[in-house]
Protein backbone atom coordinates (compact mmCIF):
# COMPACT_ATOMS: atom_id res chain seq x y z
CA MET A 1 38.78 93.14 35.75
CA ALA A 2 41.14 94.05 32.63
CA ASP A 3 39.82 93.49 29.27
CA ASP A 4 42.54 90.84 28.99
CA GLU A 5 41.54 89.11 31.91
CA ASN A 6 37.86 89.39 30.97
CA LYS A 7 38.68 87.56 27.92
CA ALA A 8 40.37 85.00 29.71
CA PHE A 9 37.50 84.69 31.83
CA ALA A 10 35.22 84.28 29.37
CA ALA A 11 36.82 81.59 27.50
CA PHE A 12 37.40 79.87 30.78
CA THR A 13 34.16 79.88 31.53
CA GLN A 14 32.88 78.97 28.50
CA ARG A 15 34.77 75.81 28.68
CA GLY A 16 31.72 74.39 31.20
CA SER A 17 34.33 72.68 33.66
CA ARG A 18 35.62 73.34 37.00
CA THR A 19 38.92 72.12 36.68
CA ARG A 20 42.07 73.84 35.90
CA HIS A 21 43.40 75.04 32.64
CA GLY A 22 46.68 76.55 31.06
CA LEU A 23 45.87 79.61 29.07
CA GLY A 24 49.58 80.18 28.07
CA GLY A 25 49.07 83.60 29.99
CA THR A 26 52.49 85.14 31.14
CA LEU A 27 53.66 86.07 34.82
CA GLN A 28 55.61 88.94 35.25
CA PRO A 29 59.35 89.14 37.03
CA ASP A 30 58.33 92.53 38.66
CA PHE A 31 54.93 90.72 39.78
CA ILE A 32 57.39 87.78 41.52
CA LEU A 33 59.83 90.50 42.84
CA LYS A 34 57.05 92.40 44.56
CA THR A 35 56.50 89.23 46.56
CA LYS A 36 57.95 88.94 49.90
CA GLU A 37 59.00 85.21 49.00
CA PHE A 38 61.13 86.39 46.02
CA GLU A 39 61.85 90.51 46.94
CA ASP A 40 65.68 89.79 47.59
CA CYS A 41 66.03 87.02 44.97
CA ASN A 42 68.68 87.78 41.80
CA GLU A 43 66.74 89.02 39.08
CA ASN A 44 68.18 86.56 36.36
CA PHE A 45 66.30 84.19 38.48
CA VAL A 46 63.15 85.67 38.87
CA LYS A 47 63.48 86.05 34.70
CA GLU A 48 63.96 82.43 34.33
CA LEU A 49 61.04 81.95 36.98
CA ALA A 50 58.72 83.84 34.58
CA LEU A 51 59.64 82.47 31.94
CA ARG A 52 58.96 79.07 32.83
CA ALA A 53 55.74 80.24 34.78
CA THR A 54 52.24 79.27 33.28
CA VAL A 55 48.68 80.57 34.04
CA GLU A 56 46.18 78.49 35.35
CA LEU A 57 42.26 79.68 36.44
CA PHE A 58 40.07 78.32 39.04
CA THR A 59 36.45 78.92 39.83
CA ASP A 60 34.62 78.95 42.98
CA GLY A 61 35.69 75.79 45.02
CA ASP A 62 38.13 74.13 42.54
CA VAL A 63 40.82 72.81 44.33
CA VAL A 64 44.14 74.14 43.20
CA LEU A 65 46.36 71.84 44.99
CA HIS A 66 45.47 68.34 47.93
CA GLN A 67 47.29 68.07 50.81
CA GLY A 68 49.25 64.78 50.26
CA ASP A 69 50.09 65.16 46.65
CA ILE A 70 53.43 65.51 45.33
CA ALA A 71 54.81 68.82 45.48
CA ASP A 72 55.67 69.58 42.03
CA LYS A 73 55.47 73.97 41.65
CA LEU A 74 54.52 76.31 43.21
CA TYR A 75 51.82 78.83 42.87
CA PHE A 76 51.79 82.80 42.27
CA LEU A 77 48.04 84.10 42.83
CA LYS A 78 47.55 87.32 40.80
CA SER A 79 44.44 87.64 41.52
CA GLY A 80 41.42 86.50 43.52
CA ASP A 81 41.32 84.77 47.10
CA VAL A 82 42.14 80.68 48.07
CA ASP A 83 41.16 78.95 51.20
CA ILE A 84 44.00 77.06 53.15
CA TRP A 85 42.99 73.63 54.53
CA VAL A 86 45.11 71.45 56.73
CA ASN A 87 43.19 68.08 57.71
CA HIS A 88 40.03 69.18 56.58
CA VAL A 89 40.08 72.31 59.00
CA LYS A 90 40.02 75.73 57.20
CA VAL A 91 43.48 77.36 58.82
CA SER A 92 44.08 80.84 56.54
CA SER A 93 43.07 82.57 53.56
CA VAL A 94 44.81 84.60 51.54
CA GLY A 95 45.02 86.60 48.54
CA SER A 96 46.30 88.27 45.60
CA GLY A 97 50.15 88.88 45.99
CA SER A 98 50.26 85.76 47.75
CA VAL A 99 52.71 82.62 47.38
CA PHE A 100 51.77 79.24 47.93
CA GLY A 101 53.01 75.56 47.45
CA LEU A 102 56.38 76.42 48.42
CA ALA A 103 57.59 72.82 49.50
CA ALA A 104 57.72 72.22 45.36
CA MET A 105 61.12 74.42 45.68
CA PHE A 106 62.57 72.36 48.02
CA ASP A 107 65.02 69.56 47.25
CA THR A 108 64.21 66.22 49.90
CA SER A 109 67.03 63.56 49.99
CA GLY A 110 65.94 60.74 47.45
CA GLY A 111 62.01 61.61 47.25
CA PHE A 112 59.41 64.13 46.79
CA ASN A 113 57.96 66.80 49.40
CA LYS A 114 54.28 66.61 49.69
CA ARG A 115 51.95 69.12 49.72
CA ASN A 116 51.18 69.85 53.66
CA ALA A 117 47.86 71.67 52.95
CA THR A 118 44.49 71.41 50.37
CA VAL A 119 43.81 75.25 49.07
CA LYS A 120 40.62 75.89 47.87
CA SER A 121 39.50 78.69 45.25
CA ILE A 122 36.98 81.60 46.09
CA GLY A 123 35.73 82.81 43.24
CA PHE A 124 37.66 83.00 40.34
CA CYS A 125 41.09 82.94 40.58
CA ASP A 126 44.44 83.63 38.22
CA CYS A 127 47.27 81.91 39.20
């Protein structure tokens, strides 16, 4: 873990909470462009996406998102691993460099998309 990540993790764990915290970190456009979902996107779009991003940290077992909730943001998993659960059944695990919560990107006519899975952190995660 890099020095900046160690400092962020130390600050996070000292809070004594298992909930997510926006620490004002940054997401670099080159990280986004390395994901298969965004590798062919316009560079200006990716830069704007990176500017609007916030970094959230999660500890082991934290719920990143809940199945059935309104899909209001997507997640880029910068480091760590998460389990994906559908109807209380684990269906997959993904790691660093993954993107999840894509339902937030799609507009539905007259309403909001809902989360189709619950995502839980495995150990320390940086999204």
